[in-house]
N, C-alpha and C. Protein backbone atom coordinates (compact mmCIF):
# COMPACT_ATOMS: atom_id res chain seq x y z
N MET A 1 0.85 -1.17 0.00
CA MET A 1 0.00 0.00 0.00
C MET A 1 0.89 1.24 0.00
N SER A 2 0.56 2.19 -0.81
CA SER A 2 1.39 3.39 -0.89
C SER A 2 1.00 4.39 0.20
N ARG A 3 1.95 5.19 0.58
CA ARG A 3 1.78 6.18 1.64
C ARG A 3 1.00 7.38 1.10
N LEU A 4 0.20 8.01 1.94
CA LEU A 4 -0.59 9.18 1.53
C LEU A 4 0.22 10.47 1.58
N THR A 5 1.37 10.45 2.25
CA THR A 5 2.18 11.64 2.40
C THR A 5 3.47 11.49 1.62
N GLU A 6 4.05 12.61 1.24
CA GLU A 6 5.31 12.57 0.48
C GLU A 6 6.44 12.00 1.33
N ARG A 7 6.54 12.48 2.56
CA ARG A 7 7.55 11.97 3.49
C ARG A 7 6.84 11.22 4.61
N PRO A 8 7.45 10.16 5.12
CA PRO A 8 6.77 9.37 6.16
C PRO A 8 6.66 10.12 7.49
N TRP A 9 5.54 9.95 8.15
CA TRP A 9 5.35 10.49 9.50
C TRP A 9 5.79 9.48 10.53
N PHE A 10 5.71 8.19 10.19
CA PHE A 10 6.07 7.11 11.08
C PHE A 10 7.02 6.16 10.35
N GLY A 11 7.98 5.64 11.09
CA GLY A 11 8.93 4.69 10.52
C GLY A 11 8.99 3.45 11.39
N PRO A 12 9.74 2.44 10.96
CA PRO A 12 9.83 1.21 11.75
C PRO A 12 10.57 1.46 13.07
N LYS A 13 10.15 0.74 14.09
CA LYS A 13 10.80 0.86 15.40
C LYS A 13 12.21 0.31 15.34
N ARG A 14 13.04 0.77 16.24
CA ARG A 14 14.42 0.27 16.30
C ARG A 14 14.45 -1.14 16.90
N PHE A 15 13.69 -1.34 17.95
CA PHE A 15 13.58 -2.65 18.59
C PHE A 15 12.11 -3.01 18.67
N GLY A 16 11.78 -4.26 18.45
CA GLY A 16 10.39 -4.68 18.46
C GLY A 16 9.74 -4.44 17.11
N TRP A 17 8.44 -4.62 17.03
CA TRP A 17 7.73 -4.48 15.77
C TRP A 17 6.74 -3.34 15.89
N GLY A 18 6.63 -2.52 14.88
CA GLY A 18 5.66 -1.44 14.87
C GLY A 18 6.23 -0.16 14.31
N TRP A 19 5.61 0.95 14.66
CA TRP A 19 6.01 2.26 14.15
C TRP A 19 6.48 3.16 15.28
N THR A 20 7.26 4.16 14.90
CA THR A 20 7.63 5.24 15.81
C THR A 20 7.59 6.54 15.00
N PRO A 21 7.24 7.65 15.62
CA PRO A 21 7.19 8.91 14.88
C PRO A 21 8.58 9.31 14.38
N VAL A 22 8.65 9.77 13.12
CA VAL A 22 9.92 10.22 12.55
C VAL A 22 9.82 11.64 12.01
N ALA A 23 8.67 12.26 12.12
CA ALA A 23 8.45 13.63 11.66
C ALA A 23 7.58 14.35 12.69
N TRP A 24 7.57 15.68 12.62
CA TRP A 24 6.79 16.44 13.59
C TRP A 24 5.31 16.10 13.50
N GLN A 25 4.84 15.78 12.29
CA GLN A 25 3.43 15.43 12.13
C GLN A 25 3.09 14.15 12.90
N GLY A 26 4.01 13.19 12.86
CA GLY A 26 3.81 11.95 13.61
C GLY A 26 3.77 12.20 15.11
N TRP A 27 4.68 13.06 15.59
CA TRP A 27 4.67 13.40 17.01
C TRP A 27 3.39 14.12 17.39
N LEU A 28 2.89 14.98 16.51
CA LEU A 28 1.63 15.69 16.78
C LEU A 28 0.47 14.70 16.89
N VAL A 29 0.45 13.71 16.03
CA VAL A 29 -0.60 12.68 16.08
C VAL A 29 -0.53 11.92 17.41
N VAL A 30 0.68 11.57 17.84
CA VAL A 30 0.85 10.83 19.09
C VAL A 30 0.42 11.68 20.29
N VAL A 31 0.80 12.96 20.30
CA VAL A 31 0.40 13.84 21.40
C VAL A 31 -1.12 14.01 21.43
N ALA A 32 -1.74 14.16 20.26
CA ALA A 32 -3.20 14.27 20.20
C ALA A 32 -3.86 12.97 20.69
N PHE A 33 -3.30 11.83 20.34
CA PHE A 33 -3.81 10.54 20.80
C PHE A 33 -3.75 10.46 22.33
N LEU A 34 -2.59 10.81 22.89
CA LEU A 34 -2.43 10.75 24.35
C LEU A 34 -3.38 11.71 25.06
N ALA A 35 -3.55 12.91 24.51
CA ALA A 35 -4.47 13.88 25.10
C ALA A 35 -5.91 13.34 25.06
N ALA A 36 -6.29 12.72 23.96
CA ALA A 36 -7.64 12.17 23.84
C ALA A 36 -7.86 11.02 24.82
N VAL A 37 -6.84 10.19 25.02
CA VAL A 37 -6.96 9.09 25.99
C VAL A 37 -7.11 9.64 27.41
N VAL A 38 -6.31 10.65 27.76
CA VAL A 38 -6.41 11.25 29.10
C VAL A 38 -7.77 11.90 29.29
N LEU A 39 -8.23 12.64 28.30
CA LEU A 39 -9.54 13.29 28.42
C LEU A 39 -10.68 12.28 28.52
N SER A 40 -10.58 11.17 27.79
CA SER A 40 -11.62 10.15 27.90
C SER A 40 -11.60 9.52 29.28
N GLY A 41 -10.42 9.41 29.88
CA GLY A 41 -10.34 8.89 31.24
C GLY A 41 -10.95 9.83 32.27
N LEU A 42 -10.84 11.13 32.00
CA LEU A 42 -11.38 12.11 32.93
C LEU A 42 -12.90 12.29 32.82
N TYR A 43 -13.43 12.19 31.60
CA TYR A 43 -14.82 12.55 31.38
C TYR A 43 -15.75 11.38 31.08
N LEU A 44 -15.21 10.19 30.83
CA LEU A 44 -16.06 9.05 30.54
C LEU A 44 -15.83 7.97 31.59
N ALA A 45 -16.79 7.06 31.69
CA ALA A 45 -16.67 5.98 32.67
C ALA A 45 -17.05 4.65 32.03
N GLY A 46 -16.46 3.61 32.56
CA GLY A 46 -16.86 2.25 32.22
C GLY A 46 -16.68 1.88 30.77
N ALA A 47 -17.76 1.31 30.21
CA ALA A 47 -17.72 0.77 28.86
C ALA A 47 -17.52 1.87 27.82
N ALA A 48 -18.05 3.06 28.08
CA ALA A 48 -17.87 4.16 27.12
C ALA A 48 -16.41 4.53 27.01
N ARG A 49 -15.69 4.59 28.13
CA ARG A 49 -14.27 4.91 28.11
C ARG A 49 -13.50 3.84 27.35
N ALA A 50 -13.80 2.58 27.61
CA ALA A 50 -13.11 1.49 26.93
C ALA A 50 -13.35 1.54 25.42
N ALA A 51 -14.59 1.81 25.03
CA ALA A 51 -14.92 1.88 23.61
C ALA A 51 -14.18 3.02 22.92
N VAL A 52 -14.11 4.16 23.59
CA VAL A 52 -13.42 5.32 23.02
C VAL A 52 -11.93 5.04 22.89
N VAL A 53 -11.33 4.43 23.90
CA VAL A 53 -9.90 4.13 23.84
C VAL A 53 -9.60 3.13 22.73
N VAL A 54 -10.43 2.12 22.57
CA VAL A 54 -10.24 1.16 21.47
C VAL A 54 -10.36 1.87 20.13
N ALA A 55 -11.34 2.74 19.99
CA ALA A 55 -11.51 3.49 18.74
C ALA A 55 -10.29 4.39 18.47
N LEU A 56 -9.75 5.01 19.51
CA LEU A 56 -8.57 5.86 19.35
C LEU A 56 -7.36 5.04 18.91
N ILE A 57 -7.21 3.85 19.46
CA ILE A 57 -6.10 2.97 19.06
C ILE A 57 -6.24 2.57 17.60
N VAL A 58 -7.46 2.27 17.18
CA VAL A 58 -7.70 1.92 15.77
C VAL A 58 -7.36 3.10 14.87
N VAL A 59 -7.76 4.30 15.25
CA VAL A 59 -7.47 5.50 14.45
C VAL A 59 -5.97 5.76 14.39
N LEU A 60 -5.28 5.65 15.52
CA LEU A 60 -3.83 5.85 15.53
C LEU A 60 -3.13 4.83 14.63
N THR A 61 -3.54 3.58 14.69
CA THR A 61 -2.95 2.54 13.84
C THR A 61 -3.21 2.84 12.37
N LEU A 62 -4.42 3.26 12.04
CA LEU A 62 -4.76 3.58 10.66
C LEU A 62 -3.95 4.76 10.14
N VAL A 63 -3.79 5.80 10.96
CA VAL A 63 -2.99 6.97 10.56
C VAL A 63 -1.54 6.55 10.34
N ALA A 64 -0.99 5.75 11.25
CA ALA A 64 0.39 5.29 11.09
C ALA A 64 0.54 4.45 9.83
N TRP A 65 -0.44 3.61 9.54
CA TRP A 65 -0.39 2.75 8.36
C TRP A 65 -0.44 3.58 7.08
N LEU A 66 -1.29 4.61 7.06
CA LEU A 66 -1.48 5.40 5.84
C LEU A 66 -0.40 6.46 5.62
N THR A 67 0.29 6.86 6.68
CA THR A 67 1.27 7.94 6.53
C THR A 67 2.69 7.51 6.83
N GLY A 68 2.91 6.22 7.08
CA GLY A 68 4.24 5.76 7.46
C GLY A 68 4.80 4.71 6.52
N ASP A 69 6.05 4.36 6.79
CA ASP A 69 6.67 3.25 6.08
C ASP A 69 6.13 1.95 6.65
N SER A 70 6.56 0.85 6.10
CA SER A 70 6.11 -0.46 6.58
C SER A 70 6.51 -0.65 8.04
N PRO A 71 5.63 -1.22 8.84
CA PRO A 71 5.99 -1.46 10.24
C PRO A 71 7.04 -2.55 10.31
N GLY A 72 7.79 -2.52 11.35
CA GLY A 72 8.80 -3.55 11.50
C GLY A 72 9.86 -3.11 12.46
N SER A 73 11.01 -3.72 12.33
CA SER A 73 12.13 -3.42 13.21
C SER A 73 13.37 -3.17 12.37
N ARG A 74 14.19 -2.20 12.80
CA ARG A 74 15.45 -1.93 12.13
C ARG A 74 16.59 -2.70 12.78
N TRP A 75 16.29 -3.46 13.82
CA TRP A 75 17.29 -4.22 14.52
C TRP A 75 17.87 -5.28 13.61
N ARG A 76 19.17 -5.46 13.62
CA ARG A 76 19.90 -6.42 12.79
C ARG A 76 19.93 -6.02 11.32
N ARG A 77 19.65 -4.78 10.99
CA ARG A 77 19.75 -4.35 9.59
C ARG A 77 21.04 -3.61 9.39
């Protein structure tokens, strides 16, 4: 799948599998994600909070997939 952005916002992690922010846009997405998780913890309870956090994780994964390089690890490369 091709990336939606000219330069990647997320790149492969150094250790483990997944993405890490490599551009300011990626860091902005991560900060917005963390802020949304904290706010959902403050203002929602129970099942609603869990549903919102799961939805936020799905959105973060989708953004990383669409704007980043392939997930993976740079270890041993």
